Amino acid sequence: MKQSADAWWPVGAWVIVILALTGFQLPSLVGASGSQLDKLVHFGMYFGLGWTLARAGRISGIRTALAVTGLIAAGIAFAGLDELLQRWVPRRVPDMNDWLADVAGLVTAYTLYAARWRRRWQSGAGRA
């Protein structure tokens, strides 16, 4: 049980960071809404979430296609909720392109983590 709890706390921490950043008007150095830099920030934040979700799923023994799909779907739904919450933050607006960058980051990270883990597992290497 402890191993499973240790697997999921990074996901929770990452979600808190994302929600905290959603609640604030970010400094102009991050870039105006709609800029390429803004999309890179969205991609990066959700890359982190995707990586932690993949890691937690692997450590917790989530292996079936349905369960993996559920984890990814939960991350995508959270990204959508995160964008919608911006509606109530002054000077921030929900943006479909931001959500697409979020989804791209999440799915990219999950895919890369799964590929990395699969190679290590097949070669008999330890946990990562």
N, C-alpha and C. Protein backbone atom coordinates (compact mmCIF):
# COMPACT_ATOMS: atom_id res chain seq x y z
N MET A 1 0.82 -1.20 0.00
CA MET A 1 0.00 0.00 0.00
C MET A 1 0.86 1.26 0.00
N LYS A 2 1.95 1.26 0.78
CA LYS A 2 2.82 2.42 0.83
C LYS A 2 3.41 2.73 -0.54
N GLN A 3 3.79 1.68 -1.28
CA GLN A 3 4.36 1.89 -2.61
C GLN A 3 3.36 2.63 -3.50
N SER A 4 2.10 2.27 -3.42
CA SER A 4 1.08 2.92 -4.23
C SER A 4 0.92 4.39 -3.83
N ALA A 5 0.92 4.68 -2.54
CA ALA A 5 0.81 6.07 -2.08
C ALA A 5 2.02 6.87 -2.53
N ASP A 6 3.19 6.28 -2.44
CA ASP A 6 4.40 6.96 -2.90
C ASP A 6 4.35 7.24 -4.39
N ALA A 7 3.65 6.41 -5.13
CA ALA A 7 3.54 6.59 -6.58
C ALA A 7 2.66 7.77 -6.95
N TRP A 8 1.64 8.05 -6.15
CA TRP A 8 0.63 9.03 -6.54
C TRP A 8 0.85 10.44 -5.99
N TRP A 9 1.68 10.60 -4.95
CA TRP A 9 1.85 11.95 -4.41
C TRP A 9 2.43 12.92 -5.44
N PRO A 10 3.35 12.51 -6.35
CA PRO A 10 3.83 13.48 -7.35
C PRO A 10 2.71 13.95 -8.29
N VAL A 11 1.76 13.08 -8.59
CA VAL A 11 0.63 13.48 -9.43
C VAL A 11 -0.17 14.57 -8.71
N GLY A 12 -0.47 14.33 -7.44
CA GLY A 12 -1.21 15.33 -6.66
C GLY A 12 -0.47 16.65 -6.57
N ALA A 13 0.83 16.58 -6.34
CA ALA A 13 1.63 17.81 -6.25
C ALA A 13 1.62 18.55 -7.57
N TRP A 14 1.73 17.83 -8.66
CA TRP A 14 1.74 18.47 -9.99
C TRP A 14 0.40 19.13 -10.28
N VAL A 15 -0.69 18.46 -9.90
CA VAL A 15 -2.03 19.02 -10.08
C VAL A 15 -2.17 20.32 -9.27
N ILE A 16 -1.66 20.34 -8.06
CA ILE A 16 -1.72 21.54 -7.23
C ILE A 16 -0.94 22.68 -7.87
N VAL A 17 0.23 22.38 -8.41
CA VAL A 17 1.02 23.42 -9.09
C VAL A 17 0.24 23.98 -10.27
N ILE A 18 -0.34 23.11 -11.08
CA ILE A 18 -1.11 23.58 -12.24
C ILE A 18 -2.29 24.45 -11.79
N LEU A 19 -3.03 24.00 -10.79
CA LEU A 19 -4.18 24.78 -10.31
C LEU A 19 -3.74 26.12 -9.72
N ALA A 20 -2.62 26.12 -9.02
CA ALA A 20 -2.11 27.38 -8.46
C ALA A 20 -1.76 28.35 -9.57
N LEU A 21 -1.11 27.85 -10.61
CA LEU A 21 -0.75 28.73 -11.73
C LEU A 21 -1.98 29.20 -12.50
N THR A 22 -3.02 28.37 -12.54
CA THR A 22 -4.25 28.76 -13.21
C THR A 22 -4.92 29.93 -12.50
N GLY A 23 -4.76 29.99 -11.20
CA GLY A 23 -5.44 31.02 -10.40
C GLY A 23 -4.79 32.39 -10.44
N PHE A 24 -3.68 32.52 -11.14
CA PHE A 24 -2.97 33.80 -11.16
C PHE A 24 -2.78 34.29 -12.58
N GLN A 25 -2.74 35.60 -12.71
CA GLN A 25 -2.34 36.20 -13.98
C GLN A 25 -0.82 36.09 -14.02
N LEU A 26 -0.30 35.35 -14.97
CA LEU A 26 1.14 35.12 -15.03
C LEU A 26 1.86 36.36 -15.55
N PRO A 27 3.11 36.54 -15.15
CA PRO A 27 3.87 37.70 -15.62
C PRO A 27 4.00 37.72 -17.13
N SER A 28 4.21 38.89 -17.68
CA SER A 28 4.27 39.04 -19.13
C SER A 28 5.44 38.28 -19.74
N LEU A 29 6.47 37.96 -18.96
CA LEU A 29 7.60 37.24 -19.52
C LEU A 29 7.23 35.83 -19.98
N VAL A 30 6.12 35.29 -19.48
CA VAL A 30 5.67 33.98 -19.93
C VAL A 30 5.11 34.08 -21.34
N GLY A 31 4.67 35.24 -21.73
CA GLY A 31 4.13 35.45 -23.07
C GLY A 31 2.65 35.68 -23.04
N ALA A 32 2.20 36.43 -24.00
CA ALA A 32 0.78 36.73 -24.09
C ALA A 32 0.01 35.48 -24.49
N SER A 33 -1.24 35.45 -24.09
CA SER A 33 -2.09 34.33 -24.47
C SER A 33 -2.08 34.21 -25.99
N GLY A 34 -1.90 33.02 -26.47
CA GLY A 34 -1.89 32.80 -27.91
C GLY A 34 -0.49 32.77 -28.50
N SER A 35 0.52 33.14 -27.74
CA SER A 35 1.88 33.14 -28.27
C SER A 35 2.45 31.73 -28.29
N GLN A 36 3.51 31.54 -29.06
CA GLN A 36 4.17 30.24 -29.11
C GLN A 36 4.75 29.87 -27.75
N LEU A 37 5.31 30.85 -27.04
CA LEU A 37 5.87 30.59 -25.72
C LEU A 37 4.80 30.10 -24.77
N ASP A 38 3.63 30.71 -24.86
CA ASP A 38 2.50 30.29 -24.02
C ASP A 38 2.16 28.82 -24.28
N LYS A 39 2.17 28.42 -25.53
CA LYS A 39 1.85 27.03 -25.87
C LYS A 39 2.94 26.08 -25.35
N LEU A 40 4.19 26.51 -25.40
CA LEU A 40 5.28 25.70 -24.86
C LEU A 40 5.14 25.52 -23.35
N VAL A 41 4.71 26.58 -22.67
CA VAL A 41 4.48 26.48 -21.22
C VAL A 41 3.37 25.47 -20.93
N HIS A 42 2.28 25.56 -21.68
CA HIS A 42 1.19 24.60 -21.51
C HIS A 42 1.67 23.18 -21.79
N PHE A 43 2.39 22.99 -22.89
CA PHE A 43 2.92 21.68 -23.23
C PHE A 43 3.80 21.15 -22.09
N GLY A 44 4.68 21.98 -21.60
CA GLY A 44 5.61 21.57 -20.54
C GLY A 44 4.92 21.21 -19.24
N MET A 45 3.95 22.01 -18.84
CA MET A 45 3.24 21.72 -17.59
C MET A 45 2.51 20.38 -17.67
N TYR A 46 1.88 20.13 -18.79
CA TYR A 46 1.13 18.89 -18.93
C TYR A 46 2.02 17.71 -19.32
N PHE A 47 3.21 17.99 -19.84
CA PHE A 47 4.20 16.92 -20.02
C PHE A 47 4.55 16.37 -18.63
N GLY A 48 4.75 17.29 -17.69
CA GLY A 48 5.04 16.86 -16.31
C GLY A 48 3.91 16.04 -15.72
N LEU A 49 2.69 16.46 -15.95
CA LEU A 49 1.55 15.69 -15.44
C LEU A 49 1.48 14.32 -16.11
N GLY A 50 1.68 14.27 -17.40
CA GLY A 50 1.64 12.99 -18.11
C GLY A 50 2.72 12.03 -17.62
N TRP A 51 3.92 12.58 -17.36
CA TRP A 51 5.03 11.74 -16.88
C TRP A 51 4.70 11.17 -15.50
N THR A 52 4.18 12.03 -14.60
CA THR A 52 3.87 11.55 -13.25
C THR A 52 2.71 10.56 -13.27
N LEU A 53 1.73 10.78 -14.15
CA LEU A 53 0.62 9.83 -14.27
C LEU A 53 1.13 8.47 -14.76
N ALA A 54 1.98 8.49 -15.77
CA ALA A 54 2.50 7.23 -16.31
C ALA A 54 3.31 6.50 -15.25
N ARG A 55 4.13 7.23 -14.53
CA ARG A 55 4.97 6.62 -13.47
C ARG A 55 4.08 6.01 -12.38
N ALA A 56 3.09 6.78 -11.94
CA ALA A 56 2.20 6.30 -10.88
C ALA A 56 1.42 5.07 -11.34
N GLY A 57 0.96 5.10 -12.58
CA GLY A 57 0.23 3.95 -13.11
C GLY A 57 1.09 2.70 -13.17
N ARG A 58 2.34 2.88 -13.59
CA ARG A 58 3.25 1.73 -13.67
C ARG A 58 3.55 1.16 -12.29
N ILE A 59 3.89 2.03 -11.34
CA ILE A 59 4.22 1.57 -9.99
C ILE A 59 3.02 0.92 -9.31
N SER A 60 1.83 1.44 -9.61
CA SER A 60 0.60 0.90 -9.00
C SER A 60 0.11 -0.36 -9.69
N GLY A 61 0.77 -0.75 -10.76
CA GLY A 61 0.38 -1.98 -11.44
C GLY A 61 -0.73 -1.82 -12.45
N ILE A 62 -0.99 -0.61 -12.89
CA ILE A 62 -2.03 -0.39 -13.90
C ILE A 62 -1.47 -0.81 -15.25
N ARG A 63 -2.05 -1.86 -15.81
CA ARG A 63 -1.49 -2.43 -17.03
C ARG A 63 -2.51 -2.59 -18.17
N THR A 64 -3.79 -2.74 -17.85
CA THR A 64 -4.77 -3.00 -18.90
C THR A 64 -4.96 -1.76 -19.76
N ALA A 65 -5.31 -2.00 -21.00
CA ALA A 65 -5.52 -0.88 -21.93
C ALA A 65 -6.63 0.04 -21.44
N LEU A 66 -7.67 -0.53 -20.87
CA LEU A 66 -8.78 0.28 -20.37
C LEU A 66 -8.33 1.18 -19.21
N ALA A 67 -7.53 0.64 -18.30
CA ALA A 67 -7.05 1.43 -17.16
C ALA A 67 -6.09 2.53 -17.62
N VAL A 68 -5.20 2.21 -18.54
CA VAL A 68 -4.27 3.21 -19.07
C VAL A 68 -5.05 4.30 -19.79
N THR A 69 -6.03 3.90 -20.59
CA THR A 69 -6.88 4.87 -21.29
C THR A 69 -7.60 5.77 -20.28
N GLY A 70 -8.04 5.18 -19.18
CA GLY A 70 -8.70 5.95 -18.13
C GLY A 70 -7.79 7.00 -17.52
N LEU A 71 -6.53 6.64 -17.27
CA LEU A 71 -5.57 7.61 -16.74
C LEU A 71 -5.36 8.76 -17.71
N ILE A 72 -5.18 8.43 -18.97
CA ILE A 72 -4.96 9.48 -19.98
C ILE A 72 -6.22 10.33 -20.11
N ALA A 73 -7.38 9.70 -20.13
CA ALA A 73 -8.65 10.45 -20.22
C ALA A 73 -8.83 11.37 -19.02
N ALA A 74 -8.45 10.91 -17.84
CA ALA A 74 -8.55 11.76 -16.64
C ALA A 74 -7.64 12.98 -16.78
N GLY A 75 -6.43 12.79 -17.30
CA GLY A 75 -5.52 13.91 -17.52
C GLY A 75 -6.07 14.89 -18.53
N ILE A 76 -6.66 14.38 -19.61
CA ILE A 76 -7.25 15.24 -20.64
C ILE A 76 -8.44 16.00 -20.09
N ALA A 77 -9.28 15.33 -19.31
CA ALA A 77 -10.44 15.99 -18.69
C ALA A 77 -9.97 17.08 -17.71
N PHE A 78 -8.93 16.78 -16.95
CA PHE A 78 -8.38 17.79 -16.02
C PHE A 78 -7.88 19.01 -16.80
N ALA A 79 -7.22 18.78 -17.93
CA ALA A 79 -6.74 19.89 -18.76
C ALA A 79 -7.91 20.76 -19.22
N GLY A 80 -9.01 20.12 -19.60
CA GLY A 80 -10.19 20.87 -20.01
C GLY A 80 -10.78 21.67 -18.86
N LEU A 81 -10.87 21.06 -17.69
CA LEU A 81 -11.37 21.76 -16.51
C LEU A 81 -10.46 22.93 -16.15
N ASP A 82 -9.17 22.71 -16.24
CA ASP A 82 -8.20 23.76 -15.96
C ASP A 82 -8.42 24.96 -16.88
N GLU A 83 -8.65 24.70 -18.16
CA GLU A 83 -8.91 25.79 -19.10
C GLU A 83 -10.22 26.50 -18.76
N LEU A 84 -11.25 25.74 -18.44
CA LEU A 84 -12.54 26.35 -18.11
C LEU A 84 -12.46 27.22 -16.85
N LEU A 85 -11.66 26.80 -15.87
CA LEU A 85 -11.52 27.57 -14.64
C LEU A 85 -10.95 28.97 -14.90
N GLN A 86 -10.22 29.12 -15.99
CA GLN A 86 -9.63 30.42 -16.30
C GLN A 86 -10.69 31.48 -16.61
N ARG A 87 -11.88 31.02 -16.90
CA ARG A 87 -12.98 31.95 -17.18
C ARG A 87 -13.23 32.90 -16.00
N TRP A 88 -12.95 32.43 -14.79
CA TRP A 88 -13.22 33.22 -13.60
C TRP A 88 -11.96 33.89 -13.03
N VAL A 89 -10.87 33.83 -13.76
CA VAL A 89 -9.62 34.48 -13.32
C VAL A 89 -9.47 35.77 -14.13
N PRO A 90 -9.32 36.91 -13.45
CA PRO A 90 -9.19 38.18 -14.18
C PRO A 90 -8.07 38.13 -15.23
N ARG A 91 -8.36 38.66 -16.38
CA ARG A 91 -7.42 38.79 -17.51
C ARG A 91 -6.95 37.45 -18.07
N ARG A 92 -7.67 36.38 -17.76
CA ARG A 92 -7.35 35.08 -18.36
C ARG A 92 -8.60 34.57 -19.05
N VAL A 93 -8.39 33.86 -20.12
CA VAL A 93 -9.53 33.33 -20.89
C VAL A 93 -9.24 31.88 -21.28
N PRO A 94 -10.27 31.05 -21.28
CA PRO A 94 -10.08 29.68 -21.78
C PRO A 94 -9.72 29.72 -23.26
N ASP A 95 -8.86 28.83 -23.68
CA ASP A 95 -8.41 28.82 -25.07
C ASP A 95 -8.27 27.36 -25.52
N MET A 96 -8.97 27.03 -26.58
CA MET A 96 -8.92 25.66 -27.12
C MET A 96 -7.50 25.29 -27.53
N ASN A 97 -6.73 26.23 -28.05
CA ASN A 97 -5.36 25.93 -28.44
C ASN A 97 -4.47 25.64 -27.23
N ASP A 98 -4.75 26.29 -26.12
CA ASP A 98 -4.04 25.96 -24.88
C ASP A 98 -4.36 24.53 -24.46
N TRP A 99 -5.64 24.17 -24.54
CA TRP A 99 -6.05 22.81 -24.18
C TRP A 99 -5.38 21.79 -25.09
N LEU A 100 -5.30 22.10 -26.38
CA LEU A 100 -4.63 21.19 -27.31
C LEU A 100 -3.15 21.03 -26.97
N ALA A 101 -2.50 22.13 -26.57
CA ALA A 101 -1.09 22.05 -26.14
C ALA A 101 -0.98 21.21 -24.87
N ASP A 102 -1.94 21.37 -23.95
CA ASP A 102 -1.96 20.55 -22.73
C ASP A 102 -2.05 19.06 -23.08
N VAL A 103 -2.99 18.74 -23.95
CA VAL A 103 -3.21 17.34 -24.34
C VAL A 103 -1.98 16.79 -25.04
N ALA A 104 -1.38 17.59 -25.92
CA ALA A 104 -0.18 17.13 -26.63
C ALA A 104 0.95 16.83 -25.64
N GLY A 105 1.15 17.70 -24.65
CA GLY A 105 2.18 17.47 -23.64
C GLY A 105 1.91 16.22 -22.83
N LEU A 106 0.68 16.06 -22.40
CA LEU A 106 0.28 14.91 -21.58
C LEU A 106 0.48 13.60 -22.34
N VAL A 107 -0.02 13.52 -23.55
CA VAL A 107 0.05 12.28 -24.33
C VAL A 107 1.50 11.99 -24.73
N THR A 108 2.26 13.02 -25.08
CA THR A 108 3.67 12.83 -25.44
C THR A 108 4.44 12.23 -24.27
N ALA A 109 4.27 12.82 -23.10
CA ALA A 109 4.99 12.32 -21.92
C ALA A 109 4.59 10.89 -21.59
N TYR A 110 3.29 10.62 -21.61
CA TYR A 110 2.82 9.28 -21.28
C TYR A 110 3.41 8.26 -22.26
N THR A 111 3.40 8.61 -23.54
CA THR A 111 3.92 7.71 -24.57
C THR A 111 5.42 7.48 -24.40
N LEU A 112 6.18 8.55 -24.16
CA LEU A 112 7.63 8.41 -23.98
C LEU A 112 7.96 7.60 -22.73
N TYR A 113 7.22 7.86 -21.64
CA TYR A 113 7.46 7.10 -20.42
C TYR A 113 7.17 5.62 -20.64
N ALA A 114 6.04 5.33 -21.28
CA ALA A 114 5.67 3.93 -21.52
C ALA A 114 6.70 3.24 -22.40
N ALA A 115 7.19 3.93 -23.42
CA ALA A 115 8.21 3.33 -24.30
C ALA A 115 9.51 3.10 -23.54
N ARG A 116 9.90 4.04 -22.71
CA ARG A 116 11.12 3.92 -21.91
C ARG A 116 10.99 2.75 -20.93
N TRP A 117 9.88 2.69 -20.24
CA TRP A 117 9.66 1.63 -19.26
C TRP A 117 9.64 0.27 -19.95
N ARG A 118 8.99 0.17 -21.08
CA ARG A 118 8.88 -1.10 -21.79
C ARG A 118 10.26 -1.61 -22.19
N ARG A 119 11.11 -0.72 -22.67
CA ARG A 119 12.47 -1.12 -23.05
C ARG A 119 13.24 -1.60 -21.82
N ARG A 120 13.13 -0.88 -20.70
CA ARG A 120 13.84 -1.28 -19.48
C ARG A 120 13.33 -2.61 -18.96
N TRP A 121 12.03 -2.80 -19.00
CA TRP A 121 11.42 -4.04 -18.52
C TRP A 121 11.88 -5.22 -19.38
N GLN A 122 11.89 -5.02 -20.69
CA GLN A 122 12.29 -6.09 -21.58
C GLN A 122 13.78 -6.43 -21.44
N SER A 123 14.60 -5.40 -21.10
CA SER A 123 16.03 -5.67 -20.95
C SER A 123 16.37 -6.19 -19.55
N GLY A 124 15.39 -6.21 -18.64
CA GLY A 124 15.61 -6.73 -17.29
C GLY A 124 16.20 -5.69 -16.35
N ALA A 125 16.22 -4.41 -16.76
CA ALA A 125 16.75 -3.35 -15.91
C ALA A 125 15.77 -3.08 -14.76
N GLY A 126 16.25 -2.35 -13.78
CA GLY A 126 15.45 -2.06 -12.59
C GLY A 126 14.40 -1.00 -12.81
N ARG A 127 13.78 -0.59 -11.72
CA ARG A 127 12.74 0.44 -11.74
C ARG A 127 13.32 1.79 -12.06
N ALA A 128 12.49 2.65 -12.68
CA ALA A 128 12.88 4.04 -12.94
C ALA A 128 11.69 4.94 -12.81
